[in-house]
C-alpha cells in the first residue's frame, strides 16, 4: 500500500540549534500517527514543516507521492491539501458554528456548501448547535467545531497540534477516543503531536517518541509500552522502575524477586553481548502490572506509599534490599503504609538495559 504521508530524513535548525535530526516515518491511508514527547523536543517543529509554515534544512516531505517540501523548496500551505486543528482551535468568535465549519467552503455552490456543513455537524454531534457562537460552547464542543471545519474541505491529511491541551484532564482521553472514532469512520489519515501519552494511546495507531530532535522509537502503543527501544522510551512511556538484575543465560535474568523467563533473548545492550551472557549485570524494567498482589504469596514486601485512583491503588513497595517497585492493586485492597503484603511476578515481556 502506498503511503499517504512520507517523511524522510527531516532536519531543521534554528540558528545554531539543531531542532530536528534525521526524522523519518510514514502513514498509510486511514492511519493515525502521533509524535509524542516533552516540551522542546521538536515535535511541533515537525508538524509546522509538514504544514508548510517552514522549510526543512534537510530531508523531504511527500503527500500521496507529491513533494511538499525539500531543502530550498516548500509548497505554500494553502496548496498542500493539508488541514490543521490548532491548539487553541482558532475559531472565529463572530461567526456561528455553521459559519465556522463552512468557512473553507466558500467556492462551493450554496446548496452543496450547506449540505457539507450539515454533514459535518452531524458527524461531530453538533446538529442542534449550528446557530450558537463559540463562546456559548464548552471546550469539548469547540474542539469538535474545529475538527469539523478542518475536515469539511476533504483534505488528504489532517494535522492536530496538541488538540486536547485546553480541555480538563478528565475530558482529554474521552474526547481523544471520540475523535479517533470520527477519523476512522471517515477513513481520514491524521498526524497529531502531544506531550500526553494517554491522549496518544487513545488516538494513535502509530506513535513516535521524540527526544532531542530524534524519533527514539516509531511503533504501536503496545510495543512502546512492552518493548521500549531504549531507556528514554521506557521512562517516558508508562510507569515503571528499573531494578538490578543478572543475566543467567540467553533467556533468563535473575532479580531480587526471582527468575524472569523471556520470550526473546535477554540482551544487555543494543547489539547483544554474547561474551558476558552468563554474568552481565542489567537494569530490568518492571511495570506496575508486572507485580501482582497475592495474599497467599510467601514473598512479602512493605507498602511505602500509595496513590488512590478510584478503581485501584498505585502502591510503591519496598523490597528487603531497599529497592522499590510499583504495583496496581484493586482499591478494595486498602493496605496501610508500613504494612507487609504478598506479591508475585507476572512478567511477560522482559526488558533489560545494560547497566553502566
C-alpha atoms as a PDB file:
ATOM      1  CA  UNK A   1       0.000   0.000   0.000  1.00  0.00           C
ATOM      2  CA  UNK A   2       1.322   3.454  -0.945  1.00  0.00           C
ATOM      3  CA  UNK A   3       1.976   5.805   1.952  1.00  0.00           C
ATOM      4  CA  UNK A   4      -0.188   8.906   2.187  1.00  0.00           C
ATOM      5  CA  UNK A   5       2.473  10.775   4.159  1.00  0.00           C
ATOM      6  CA  UNK A   6       6.166  10.016   3.786  1.00  0.00           C
ATOM      7  CA  UNK A   7       8.690  11.940   5.869  1.00  0.00           C
ATOM      8  CA  UNK A   8      12.320  11.067   5.133  1.00  0.00           C
ATOM      9  CA  UNK A   9      15.454  12.224   6.978  1.00  0.00           C
ATOM     10  CA  UNK A  10      13.889  15.509   8.058  1.00  0.00           C
ATOM     11  CA  UNK A  11      16.268  18.002   9.654  1.00  0.00           C
ATOM     12  CA  UNK A  12      15.869  21.608  10.782  1.00  0.00           C
ATOM     13  CA  UNK A  13      17.861  24.232  12.630  1.00  0.00           C
ATOM     14  CA  UNK A  14      17.115  27.490  14.409  1.00  0.00           C
ATOM     15  CA  UNK A  15      20.366  29.457  14.148  1.00  0.00           C
ATOM     16  CA  UNK A  16      22.927  27.207  15.854  1.00  0.00           C
ATOM     17  CA  UNK A  17      20.436  24.825  17.446  1.00  0.00           C
ATOM     18  CA  UNK A  18      19.626  21.520  15.706  1.00  0.00           C
ATOM     19  CA  UNK A  19      15.900  21.108  16.357  1.00  0.00           C
ATOM     20  CA  UNK A  20      15.216  18.065  14.158  1.00  0.00           C
ATOM     21  CA  UNK A  21      17.777  15.475  13.136  1.00  0.00           C
ATOM     22  CA  UNK A  22      17.020  12.627  10.715  1.00  0.00           C
ATOM     23  CA  UNK A  23      13.289  12.281  11.416  1.00  0.00           C
ATOM     24  CA  UNK A  24      11.660   9.602   9.234  1.00  0.00           C
ATOM     25  CA  UNK A  25       8.228   7.934   9.326  1.00  0.00           C
ATOM     26  CA  UNK A  26       5.241   7.242   7.091  1.00  0.00           C
ATOM     27  CA  UNK A  27       1.483   6.820   7.344  1.00  0.00           C
ATOM     28  CA  UNK A  28      -0.740   4.710   5.116  1.00  0.00           C
ATOM     29  CA  UNK A  29      -4.340   5.609   4.196  1.00  0.00           C
ATOM     30  CA  UNK A  30      -6.620   5.870   7.227  1.00  0.00           C
ATOM     31  CA  UNK A  31      -3.818   5.539   9.779  1.00  0.00           C
ATOM     32  CA  UNK A  32      -3.494   7.899  12.735  1.00  0.00           C
ATOM     33  CA  UNK A  33       0.034   8.763  13.808  1.00  0.00           C
ATOM     34  CA  UNK A  34       1.320  10.704  16.773  1.00  0.00           C
ATOM     35  CA  UNK A  35       4.599  12.376  17.674  1.00  0.00           C
ATOM     36  CA  UNK A  36       4.878  12.144  21.445  1.00  0.00           C
ATOM     37  CA  UNK A  37       7.484  13.898  23.529  1.00  0.00           C
ATOM     38  CA  UNK A  38       8.282  16.511  26.174  1.00  0.00           C
ATOM     39  CA  UNK A  39       8.266  20.261  25.572  1.00  0.00           C
ATOM     40  CA  UNK A  40      11.151  21.411  23.390  1.00  0.00           C
ATOM     41  CA  UNK A  41      11.797  18.008  21.792  1.00  0.00           C
ATOM     42  CA  UNK A  42      10.994  19.225  18.260  1.00  0.00           C
ATOM     43  CA  UNK A  43       7.547  17.698  17.726  1.00  0.00           C
ATOM     44  CA  UNK A  44       5.762  20.988  16.949  1.00  0.00           C
ATOM     45  CA  UNK A  45       8.531  21.974  14.522  1.00  0.00           C
ATOM     46  CA  UNK A  46       7.961  18.707  12.651  1.00  0.00           C
ATOM     47  CA  UNK A  47       4.253  19.499  12.378  1.00  0.00           C
ATOM     48  CA  UNK A  48       4.974  23.042  11.137  1.00  0.00           C
ATOM     49  CA  UNK A  49       7.277  21.676   8.435  1.00  0.00           C
ATOM     50  CA  UNK A  50       4.604  19.240   7.253  1.00  0.00           C
ATOM     51  CA  UNK A  51       2.002  22.030   7.268  1.00  0.00           C
ATOM     52  CA  UNK A  52       4.312  24.205   5.171  1.00  0.00           C
ATOM     53  CA  UNK A  53       4.860  27.013   7.657  1.00  0.00           C
ATOM     54  CA  UNK A  54       8.635  26.445   7.485  1.00  0.00           C
ATOM     55  CA  UNK A  55      11.111  24.910   5.019  1.00  0.00           C
ATOM     56  CA  UNK A  56      13.300  21.980   6.139  1.00  0.00           C
ATOM     57  CA  UNK A  57      17.085  22.191   6.112  1.00  0.00           C
ATOM     58  CA  UNK A  58      17.374  18.534   5.068  1.00  0.00           C
ATOM     59  CA  UNK A  59      15.057  15.725   4.037  1.00  0.00           C
ATOM     60  CA  UNK A  60      11.804  15.514   2.135  1.00  0.00           C
ATOM     61  CA  UNK A  61       8.083  15.523   2.875  1.00  0.00           C
ATOM     62  CA  UNK A  62       5.757  13.821   0.389  1.00  0.00           C
ATOM     63  CA  UNK A  63       1.970  13.591   0.394  1.00  0.00           C
ATOM     64  CA  UNK A  64       0.428  10.930  -1.854  1.00  0.00           C
ATOM     65  CA  UNK A  65       3.707  10.825  -3.788  1.00  0.00           C
ATOM     66  CA  UNK A  66       3.836  14.598  -4.342  1.00  0.00           C
ATOM     67  CA  UNK A  67       6.791  16.504  -2.896  1.00  0.00           C
ATOM     68  CA  UNK A  68       5.622  19.145  -0.443  1.00  0.00           C
ATOM     69  CA  UNK A  69       8.989  20.160   0.969  1.00  0.00           C
ATOM     70  CA  UNK A  70      12.688  19.647   0.452  1.00  0.00           C
ATOM     71  CA  UNK A  71      15.725  21.872   1.082  1.00  0.00           C
ATOM     72  CA  UNK A  72      15.144  25.184  -0.679  1.00  0.00           C
ATOM     73  CA  UNK A  73      11.565  24.371  -1.665  1.00  0.00           C
ATOM     74  CA  UNK A  74       8.266  24.412   0.168  1.00  0.00           C
ATOM     75  CA  UNK A  75       4.843  24.274  -1.437  1.00  0.00           C
ATOM     76  CA  UNK A  76       2.648  27.001   0.139  1.00  0.00           C
ATOM     77  CA  UNK A  77       0.360  25.740   2.926  1.00  0.00           C
ATOM     78  CA  UNK A  78      -2.837  26.531   1.000  1.00  0.00           C
ATOM     79  CA  UNK A  79      -1.755  24.324  -1.919  1.00  0.00           C
ATOM     80  CA  UNK A  80      -0.797  21.232   0.091  1.00  0.00           C
ATOM     81  CA  UNK A  81      -4.167  19.616   0.659  1.00  0.00           C
ATOM     82  CA  UNK A  82      -3.385  19.536   4.372  1.00  0.00           C
ATOM     83  CA  UNK A  83      -5.859  20.588   7.088  1.00  0.00           C
ATOM     84  CA  UNK A  84      -4.886  21.583  10.610  1.00  0.00           C
ATOM     85  CA  UNK A  85      -6.562  21.790  14.008  1.00  0.00           C
ATOM     86  CA  UNK A  86      -4.678  24.280  16.153  1.00  0.00           C
ATOM     87  CA  UNK A  87      -4.042  24.073  19.884  1.00  0.00           C
ATOM     88  CA  UNK A  88      -6.391  26.997  20.624  1.00  0.00           C
ATOM     89  CA  UNK A  89      -8.931  25.870  17.952  1.00  0.00           C
ATOM     90  CA  UNK A  90      -8.676  29.330  16.223  1.00  0.00           C
ATOM     91  CA  UNK A  91     -12.457  29.620  15.829  1.00  0.00           C
ATOM     92  CA  UNK A  92     -13.875  32.919  14.610  1.00  0.00           C
ATOM     93  CA  UNK A  93     -15.697  34.384  17.639  1.00  0.00           C
ATOM     94  CA  UNK A  94     -18.094  36.480  15.491  1.00  0.00           C
ATOM     95  CA  UNK A  95     -19.259  33.500  13.407  1.00  0.00           C
ATOM     96  CA  UNK A  96     -21.772  30.846  14.393  1.00  0.00           C
ATOM     97  CA  UNK A  97     -20.908  27.143  14.447  1.00  0.00           C
ATOM     98  CA  UNK A  98     -22.270  26.515  10.958  1.00  0.00           C
ATOM     99  CA  UNK A  99     -20.453  29.569   9.555  1.00  0.00           C
ATOM    100  CA  UNK A 100     -17.190  28.477  11.184  1.00  0.00           C
ATOM    101  CA  UNK A 101     -17.485  24.998   9.709  1.00  0.00           C
ATOM    102  CA  UNK A 102     -18.332  26.355   6.268  1.00  0.00           C
ATOM    103  CA  UNK A 103     -15.580  28.985   6.235  1.00  0.00           C
ATOM    104  CA  UNK A 104     -13.297  26.996   3.908  1.00  0.00           C
ATOM    105  CA  UNK A 105     -16.113  26.040   1.528  1.00  0.00           C
ATOM    106  CA  UNK A 106     -16.796  29.461   0.009  1.00  0.00           C
ATOM    107  CA  UNK A 107     -16.061  28.210  -3.535  1.00  0.00           C
ATOM    108  CA  UNK A 108     -18.816  25.599  -3.399  1.00  0.00           C
ATOM    109  CA  UNK A 109     -22.350  26.411  -4.607  1.00  0.00           C
ATOM    110  CA  UNK A 110     -24.591  27.364  -1.715  1.00  0.00           C
ATOM    111  CA  UNK A 111     -26.621  24.133  -1.717  1.00  0.00           C
ATOM    112  CA  UNK A 112     -23.507  21.921  -1.678  1.00  0.00           C
ATOM    113  CA  UNK A 113     -21.888  24.073   0.979  1.00  0.00           C
ATOM    114  CA  UNK A 114     -24.918  23.848   3.267  1.00  0.00           C
ATOM    115  CA  UNK A 115     -25.159  20.093   2.722  1.00  0.00           C
ATOM    116  CA  UNK A 116     -21.491  19.608   3.593  1.00  0.00           C
ATOM    117  CA  UNK A 117     -21.809  21.756   6.723  1.00  0.00           C
ATOM    118  CA  UNK A 118     -24.860  19.763   7.839  1.00  0.00           C
ATOM    119  CA  UNK A 119     -22.973  16.525   7.210  1.00  0.00           C
ATOM    120  CA  UNK A 120     -20.010  17.713   9.312  1.00  0.00           C
ATOM    121  CA  UNK A 121     -22.226  18.921  12.172  1.00  0.00           C
ATOM    122  CA  UNK A 122     -23.942  15.533  12.287  1.00  0.00           C
ATOM    123  CA  UNK A 123     -20.563  13.770  12.195  1.00  0.00           C
ATOM    124  CA  UNK A 124     -19.308  15.623  15.291  1.00  0.00           C
ATOM    125  CA  UNK A 125     -22.648  15.547  17.113  1.00  0.00           C
ATOM    126  CA  UNK A 126     -23.450  19.272  16.953  1.00  0.00           C
ATOM    127  CA  UNK A 127     -26.526  19.276  14.701  1.00  0.00           C
ATOM    128  CA  UNK A 128     -28.546  21.270  17.234  1.00  0.00           C
ATOM    129  CA  UNK A 129     -25.866  23.922  17.838  1.00  0.00           C
ATOM    130  CA  UNK A 130     -25.443  25.389  14.351  1.00  0.00           C
ATOM    131  CA  UNK A 131     -26.662  28.858  15.390  1.00  0.00           C
ATOM    132  CA  UNK A 132     -24.512  29.033  18.531  1.00  0.00           C
ATOM    133  CA  UNK A 133     -21.373  31.146  18.846  1.00  0.00           C
ATOM    134  CA  UNK A 134     -18.043  29.710  20.079  1.00  0.00           C
ATOM    135  CA  UNK A 135     -18.304  31.404  23.496  1.00  0.00           C
ATOM    136  CA  UNK A 136     -21.604  29.595  24.071  1.00  0.00           C
ATOM    137  CA  UNK A 137     -19.961  26.181  23.695  1.00  0.00           C
ATOM    138  CA  UNK A 138     -17.970  24.011  26.070  1.00  0.00           C
ATOM    139  CA  UNK A 139     -14.296  23.356  25.414  1.00  0.00           C
ATOM    140  CA  UNK A 140     -15.098  19.904  24.064  1.00  0.00           C
ATOM    141  CA  UNK A 141     -17.743  21.315  21.715  1.00  0.00           C
ATOM    142  CA  UNK A 142     -15.343  23.981  20.451  1.00  0.00           C
ATOM    143  CA  UNK A 143     -12.808  21.252  19.749  1.00  0.00           C
ATOM    144  CA  UNK A 144     -15.402  19.382  17.679  1.00  0.00           C
ATOM    145  CA  UNK A 145     -16.226  22.520  15.695  1.00  0.00           C
ATOM    146  CA  UNK A 146     -12.529  22.986  14.916  1.00  0.00           C
ATOM    147  CA  UNK A 147     -12.330  19.342  13.815  1.00  0.00           C
ATOM    148  CA  UNK A 148     -15.422  19.659  11.613  1.00  0.00           C
ATOM    149  CA  UNK A 149     -14.053  22.839   9.992  1.00  0.00           C
ATOM    150  CA  UNK A 150     -10.745  21.092   9.235  1.00  0.00           C
ATOM    151  CA  UNK A 151     -12.469  18.019   7.772  1.00  0.00           C
ATOM    152  CA  UNK A 152     -15.062  19.908   5.703  1.00  0.00           C
ATOM    153  CA  UNK A 153     -12.865  20.626   2.626  1.00  0.00           C
ATOM    154  CA  UNK A 154     -11.903  16.946   2.334  1.00  0.00           C
ATOM    155  CA  UNK A 155      -8.126  17.329   2.654  1.00  0.00           C
ATOM    156  CA  UNK A 156      -5.720  14.424   2.162  1.00  0.00           C
ATOM    157  CA  UNK A 157      -4.105  14.790   5.591  1.00  0.00           C
ATOM    158  CA  UNK A 158      -5.241  16.162   8.944  1.00  0.00           C
ATOM    159  CA  UNK A 159      -2.709  17.644  11.380  1.00  0.00           C
ATOM    160  CA  UNK A 160      -3.575  18.175  15.046  1.00  0.00           C
ATOM    161  CA  UNK A 161      -1.410  20.349  17.284  1.00  0.00           C
ATOM    162  CA  UNK A 162      -1.912  19.386  20.964  1.00  0.00           C
ATOM    163  CA  UNK A 163      -5.673  19.219  20.213  1.00  0.00           C
ATOM    164  CA  UNK A 164      -6.836  18.407  23.746  1.00  0.00           C
ATOM    165  CA  UNK A 165      -4.466  20.542  25.832  1.00  0.00           C
ATOM    166  CA  UNK A 166      -7.121  23.191  26.569  1.00  0.00           C
ATOM    167  CA  UNK A 167      -9.553  20.646  27.993  1.00  0.00           C
ATOM    168  CA  UNK A 168      -9.911  19.421  31.551  1.00  0.00           C
ATOM    169  CA  UNK A 169      -7.785  16.366  32.264  1.00  0.00           C
ATOM    170  CA  UNK A 170     -10.833  14.166  32.745  1.00  0.00           C
ATOM    171  CA  UNK A 171     -12.175  15.063  29.293  1.00  0.00           C
ATOM    172  CA  UNK A 172      -8.994  14.569  27.268  1.00  0.00           C
ATOM    173  CA  UNK A 173      -8.963  10.804  26.915  1.00  0.00           C
ATOM    174  CA  UNK A 174     -12.730  10.669  26.344  1.00  0.00           C
ATOM    175  CA  UNK A 175     -12.517  13.274  23.553  1.00  0.00           C
ATOM    176  CA  UNK A 176      -9.461  11.557  22.077  1.00  0.00           C
ATOM    177  CA  UNK A 177     -11.437   8.319  21.739  1.00  0.00           C
ATOM    178  CA  UNK A 178     -14.364  10.187  20.171  1.00  0.00           C
ATOM    179  CA  UNK A 179     -12.120  11.976  17.670  1.00  0.00           C
ATOM    180  CA  UNK A 180     -10.449   8.679  16.776  1.00  0.00           C
ATOM    181  CA  UNK A 181     -13.860   7.141  16.081  1.00  0.00           C
ATOM    182  CA  UNK A 182     -14.764  10.066  13.798  1.00  0.00           C
ATOM    183  CA  UNK A 183     -11.483   9.868  11.873  1.00  0.00           C
ATOM    184  CA  UNK A 184     -11.764   6.096  11.473  1.00  0.00           C
ATOM    185  CA  UNK A 185     -15.371   6.410  10.310  1.00  0.00           C
ATOM    186  CA  UNK A 186     -14.268   8.868   7.609  1.00  0.00           C
ATOM    187  CA  UNK A 187     -11.024   6.971   6.814  1.00  0.00           C
ATOM    188  CA  UNK A 188      -9.015  10.145   7.463  1.00  0.00           C
ATOM    189  CA  UNK A 189      -5.218   9.957   7.636  1.00  0.00           C
ATOM    190  CA  UNK A 190      -4.043  12.112  10.539  1.00  0.00           C
ATOM    191  CA  UNK A 191      -0.948  13.121  12.478  1.00  0.00           C
ATOM    192  CA  UNK A 192      -1.060  14.722  15.906  1.00  0.00           C
ATOM    193  CA  UNK A 193       1.571  15.959  18.327  1.00  0.00           C
ATOM    194  CA  UNK A 194       1.189  15.818  22.086  1.00  0.00           C
ATOM    195  CA  UNK A 195       3.129  15.522  25.328  1.00  0.00           C
ATOM    196  CA  UNK A 196       0.361  13.406  26.906  1.00  0.00           C
ATOM    197  CA  UNK A 197       0.795   9.668  26.485  1.00  0.00           C
ATOM    198  CA  UNK A 198      -2.821   8.942  27.475  1.00  0.00           C
ATOM    199  CA  UNK A 199      -4.043  11.054  24.548  1.00  0.00           C
ATOM    200  CA  UNK A 200      -1.520   9.386  22.254  1.00  0.00           C
ATOM    201  CA  UNK A 201      -2.557   5.881  23.322  1.00  0.00           C
ATOM    202  CA  UNK A 202      -6.269   6.707  22.957  1.00  0.00           C
ATOM    203  CA  UNK A 203      -5.863   8.223  19.472  1.00  0.00           C
ATOM    204  CA  UNK A 204      -2.989   6.742  17.536  1.00  0.00           C
ATOM    205  CA  UNK A 205      -2.221   3.583  15.574  1.00  0.00           C
ATOM    206  CA  UNK A 206       1.464   4.553  15.450  1.00  0.00           C
ATOM    207  CA  UNK A 207       3.439   6.680  17.892  1.00  0.00           C
ATOM    208  CA  UNK A 208       6.879   8.184  17.519  1.00  0.00           C
ATOM    209  CA  UNK A 209       8.505   9.012  20.844  1.00  0.00           C
ATOM    210  CA  UNK A 210      10.733  12.031  20.267  1.00  0.00           C
ATOM    211  CA  UNK A 211      13.642  13.405  22.277  1.00  0.00           C
ATOM    212  CA  UNK A 212      16.316  15.921  21.293  1.00  0.00           C
ATOM    213  CA  UNK A 213      15.001  16.209  17.751  1.00  0.00           C
ATOM    214  CA  UNK A 214      15.119  12.468  17.022  1.00  0.00           C
ATOM    215  CA  UNK A 215      12.422   9.824  16.966  1.00  0.00           C
ATOM    216  CA  UNK A 216      13.638   7.297  19.515  1.00  0.00           C
ATOM    217  CA  UNK A 217      11.080   4.679  18.502  1.00  0.00           C
ATOM    218  CA  UNK A 218       8.235   4.636  15.959  1.00  0.00           C
ATOM    219  CA  UNK A 219       5.938   1.789  16.918  1.00  0.00           C
ATOM    220  CA  UNK A 220       2.497   0.681  18.071  1.00  0.00           C
ATOM    221  CA  UNK A 221       1.367   1.834  21.535  1.00  0.00           C
ATOM    222  CA  UNK A 222       1.555  -1.784  22.749  1.00  0.00           C
ATOM    223  CA  UNK A 223       5.172  -2.218  21.667  1.00  0.00           C
ATOM    224  CA  UNK A 224       6.227   1.150  23.082  1.00  0.00           C
ATOM    225  CA  UNK A 225       4.919   0.072  26.486  1.00  0.00           C
ATOM    226  CA  UNK A 226       6.089  -3.541  26.499  1.00  0.00           C
ATOM    227  CA  UNK A 227       9.162  -3.387  24.237  1.00  0.00           C
ATOM    228  CA  UNK A 228      10.741   0.076  24.605  1.00  0.00           C
ATOM    229  CA  UNK A 229      13.808   0.555  22.407  1.00  0.00           C
ATOM    230  CA  UNK A 230      15.864   2.450  24.986  1.00  0.00           C
ATOM    231  CA  UNK A 231      15.842   3.886  28.474  1.00  0.00           C
ATOM    232  CA  UNK A 232      14.249   7.165  27.417  1.00  0.00           C
ATOM    233  CA  UNK A 233      11.234   5.419  25.899  1.00  0.00           C
ATOM    234  CA  UNK A 234      10.988   3.080  28.895  1.00  0.00           C
ATOM    235  CA  UNK A 235      10.980   6.038  31.272  1.00  0.00           C
ATOM    236  CA  UNK A 236       8.724   8.345  29.244  1.00  0.00           C
ATOM    237  CA  UNK A 237       6.006   5.831  28.364  1.00  0.00           C
ATOM    238  CA  UNK A 238       4.016   4.466  31.279  1.00  0.00           C
ATOM    239  CA  UNK A 239       5.055   3.999  34.885  1.00  0.00           C
ATOM    240  CA  UNK A 240       7.917   1.727  35.769  1.00  0.00           C
ATOM    241  CA  UNK A 241      11.109   1.267  37.752  1.00  0.00           C
ATOM    242  CA  UNK A 242      14.463  -0.275  36.962  1.00  0.00           C
ATOM    243  CA  UNK A 243      15.756  -2.967  39.322  1.00  0.00           C
ATOM    244  CA  UNK A 244      19.123  -4.684  39.359  1.00  0.00           C
ATOM    245  CA  UNK A 245      19.362  -7.977  37.512  1.00  0.00           C
ATOM    246  CA  UNK A 246      21.896 -10.536  36.333  1.00  0.00           C
ATOM    247  CA  UNK A 247      21.758 -12.435  33.051  1.00  0.00           C
ATOM    248  CA  UNK A 248      21.721 -16.191  33.800  1.00  0.00           C
ATOM    249  CA  UNK A 249      21.511 -17.408  30.198  1.00  0.00           C
ATOM    250  CA  UNK A 250      20.188 -16.156  26.892  1.00  0.00           C
ATOM    251  CA  UNK A 251      16.548 -16.499  28.024  1.00  0.00           C
ATOM    252  CA  UNK A 252      16.662 -15.832  31.770  1.00  0.00           C
ATOM    253  CA  UNK A 253      17.566 -12.965  34.052  1.00  0.00           C
ATOM    254  CA  UNK A 254      17.595 -13.097  37.835  1.00  0.00           C
ATOM    255  CA  UNK A 255      16.327 -10.252  40.032  1.00  0.00           C
ATOM    256  CA  UNK A 256      15.721  -9.952  43.764  1.00  0.00           C
ATOM    257  CA  UNK A 257      12.133 -11.158  43.359  1.00  0.00           C
ATOM    258  CA  UNK A 258      13.044 -14.286  41.372  1.00  0.00           C
ATOM    259  CA  UNK A 259      13.970 -15.520  37.908  1.00  0.00           C
ATOM    260  CA  UNK A 260      12.352 -13.972  34.840  1.00  0.00           C
ATOM    261  CA  UNK A 261      11.910 -16.059  31.713  1.00  0.00           C
ATOM    262  CA  UNK A 262      11.956 -14.121  28.469  1.00  0.00           C
ATOM    263  CA  UNK A 263      10.256 -14.970  25.197  1.00  0.00           C
ATOM    264  CA  UNK A 264      13.162 -13.297  23.394  1.00  0.00           C
ATOM    265  CA  UNK A 265      16.873 -13.411  24.229  1.00  0.00           C
ATOM    266  CA  UNK A 266      17.798 -11.058  27.029  1.00  0.00           C
ATOM    267  CA  UNK A 267      20.296  -8.544  25.684  1.00  0.00           C
ATOM    268  CA  UNK A 268      22.247  -6.142  27.846  1.00  0.00           C
ATOM    269  CA  UNK A 269      22.941  -3.695  25.064  1.00  0.00           C
ATOM    270  CA  UNK A 270      21.527  -2.938  21.633  1.00  0.00           C
ATOM    271  CA  UNK A 271      23.938  -5.283  19.890  1.00  0.00           C
ATOM    272  CA  UNK A 272      23.787  -8.123  22.397  1.00  0.00           C
ATOM    273  CA  UNK A 273      26.803  -9.247  24.393  1.00  0.00           C
ATOM    274  CA  UNK A 274      27.451 -12.942  23.959  1.00  0.00           C
ATOM    275  CA  UNK A 275      30.791 -12.769  25.731  1.00  0.00           C
ATOM    276  CA  UNK A 276      29.134 -11.900  29.044  1.00  0.00           C
ATOM    277  CA  UNK A 277      25.795 -13.643  28.670  1.00  0.00           C
ATOM    278  CA  UNK A 278      26.200 -15.547  31.964  1.00  0.00           C
ATOM    279  CA  UNK A 279      27.467 -12.688  34.091  1.00  0.00           C
ATOM    280  CA  UNK A 280      26.164  -9.491  32.573  1.00  0.00           C
ATOM    281  CA  UNK A 281      24.552  -7.112  35.076  1.00  0.00           C
ATOM    282  CA  UNK A 282      21.498  -5.316  33.763  1.00  0.00           C
ATOM    283  CA  UNK A 283      18.728  -2.962  34.802  1.00  0.00           C
ATOM    284  CA  UNK A 284      15.360  -4.669  34.384  1.00  0.00           C
ATOM    285  CA  UNK A 285      12.215  -2.642  33.712  1.00  0.00           C
ATOM    286  CA  UNK A 286       9.250  -3.591  35.895  1.00  0.00           C
ATOM    287  CA  UNK A 287       5.843  -2.076  35.196  1.00  0.00           C
ATOM    288  CA  UNK A 288       3.069  -1.809  37.824  1.00  0.00           C
ATOM    289  CA  UNK A 289       1.159  -4.564  36.019  1.00  0.00           C
ATOM    290  CA  UNK A 290       4.197  -6.876  36.346  1.00  0.00           C
ATOM    291  CA  UNK A 291       3.727  -7.027  40.142  1.00  0.00           C
ATOM    292  CA  UNK A 292       0.533  -8.777  41.292  1.00  0.00           C
ATOM    293  CA  UNK A 293      -0.845  -8.505  44.836  1.00  0.00           C
ATOM    294  CA  UNK A 294      -1.339 -12.026  46.260  1.00  0.00           C
ATOM    295  CA  UNK A 295      -2.296 -12.558  49.914  1.00  0.00           C
ATOM    296  CA  UNK A 296      -1.182 -16.191  49.707  1.00  0.00           C
ATOM    297  CA  UNK A 297       2.313 -15.428  48.423  1.00  0.00           C
ATOM    298  CA  UNK A 298       5.254 -16.015  50.784  1.00  0.00           C
ATOM    299  CA  UNK A 299       7.085 -13.140  49.051  1.00  0.00           C
ATOM    300  CA  UNK A 300       6.411 -10.180  51.358  1.00  0.00           C
ATOM    301  CA  UNK A 301       7.195  -6.511  50.717  1.00  0.00           C
ATOM    302  CA  UNK A 302       6.465  -3.302  52.588  1.00  0.00           C
ATOM    303  CA  UNK A 303       3.919  -0.713  51.482  1.00  0.00           C
ATOM    304  CA  UNK A 304       5.931   2.513  51.378  1.00  0.00           C
ATOM    305  CA  UNK A 305       3.418   4.750  49.627  1.00  0.00           C
ATOM    306  CA  UNK A 306       0.094   4.569  47.838  1.00  0.00           C
ATOM    307  CA  UNK A 307      -1.946   6.714  45.473  1.00  0.00           C
ATOM    308  CA  UNK A 308      -5.722   6.223  45.309  1.00  0.00           C
ATOM    309  CA  UNK A 309      -7.028   6.150  41.726  1.00  0.00           C
ATOM    310  CA  UNK A 310     -10.635   5.188  42.237  1.00  0.00           C
ATOM    311  CA  UNK A 311     -10.794   1.630  40.954  1.00  0.00           C
ATOM    312  CA  UNK A 312      -7.237   0.885  42.058  1.00  0.00           C
ATOM    313  CA  UNK A 313      -4.285   1.927  44.191  1.00  0.00           C
ATOM    314  CA  UNK A 314      -0.829   2.514  42.792  1.00  0.00           C
ATOM    315  CA  UNK A 315       1.367   1.092  45.548  1.00  0.00           C
ATOM    316  CA  UNK A 316       5.054   1.864  45.973  1.00  0.00           C
ATOM    317  CA  UNK A 317       6.537  -1.276  47.518  1.00  0.00           C
ATOM    318  CA  UNK A 318       9.887  -1.553  49.289  1.00  0.00           C
ATOM    319  CA  UNK A 319      11.855  -4.755  48.800  1.00  0.00           C
ATOM    320  CA  UNK A 320      14.137  -6.190  51.540  1.00  0.00           C
ATOM    321  CA  UNK A 321      17.201  -4.766  49.738  1.00  0.00           C
ATOM    322  CA  UNK A 322      15.698  -1.280  49.704  1.00  0.00           C
ATOM    323  CA  UNK A 323      14.850  -1.361  46.002  1.00  0.00           C
ATOM    324  CA  UNK A 324      11.347  -0.203  45.111  1.00  0.00           C
ATOM    325  CA  UNK A 325       8.723  -1.477  42.681  1.00  0.00           C
ATOM    326  CA  UNK A 326       5.220  -0.319  41.733  1.00  0.00           C
ATOM    327  CA  UNK A 327       2.007  -2.326  41.701  1.00  0.00           C
ATOM    328  CA  UNK A 328      -1.563  -1.585  40.597  1.00  0.00           C
ATOM    329  CA  UNK A 329      -3.976  -3.189  43.061  1.00  0.00           C
ATOM    330  CA  UNK A 330      -7.816  -3.147  43.087  1.00  0.00           C
ATOM    331  CA  UNK A 331      -8.898  -0.454  45.535  1.00  0.00           C
ATOM    332  CA  UNK A 332     -10.787  -2.802  47.870  1.00  0.00           C
ATOM    333  CA  UNK A 333      -7.310  -3.981  48.929  1.00  0.00           C
ATOM    334  CA  UNK A 334      -6.663  -0.920  51.106  1.00  0.00           C
ATOM    335  CA  UNK A 335      -3.414  -1.636  52.938  1.00  0.00           C
ATOM    336  CA  UNK A 336      -1.755   0.722  55.384  1.00  0.00           C
ATOM    337  CA  UNK A 337       1.630   2.317  54.795  1.00  0.00           C
ATOM    338  CA  UNK A 338       4.206   0.181  56.568  1.00  0.00           C
ATOM    339  CA  UNK A 339       2.138  -2.988  56.199  1.00  0.00           C
ATOM    340  CA  UNK A 340       3.707  -6.107  54.650  1.00  0.00           C
ATOM    341  CA  UNK A 341       1.779  -7.597  51.736  1.00  0.00           C
ATOM    342  CA  UNK A 342       2.327 -10.617  49.498  1.00  0.00           C
ATOM    343  CA  UNK A 343       3.193 -10.220  45.817  1.00  0.00           C
ATOM    344  CA  UNK A 344       4.046 -12.396  42.837  1.00  0.00           C
ATOM    345  CA  UNK A 345       5.648 -11.729  39.463  1.00  0.00           C
ATOM    346  CA  UNK A 346       3.676 -11.726  36.207  1.00  0.00           C
ATOM    347  CA  UNK A 347       6.295 -10.525  33.707  1.00  0.00           C
ATOM    348  CA  UNK A 348       5.535 -11.477  30.108  1.00  0.00           C
ATOM    349  CA  UNK A 349       7.942  -9.011  28.491  1.00  0.00           C
ATOM    350  CA  UNK A 350      11.454  -8.864  29.934  1.00  0.00           C
ATOM    351  CA  UNK A 351      13.065  -5.524  29.120  1.00  0.00           C
ATOM    352  CA  UNK A 352      16.679  -5.218  30.262  1.00  0.00           C
ATOM    353  CA  UNK A 353      19.236  -2.479  29.675  1.00  0.00           C
ATOM    354  CA  UNK A 354      22.973  -2.717  30.103  1.00  0.00           C
ATOM    355  CA  UNK A 355      23.981  -1.444  33.497  1.00  0.00           C
ATOM    356  CA  UNK A 356      26.572   1.336  33.333  1.00  0.00           C
END
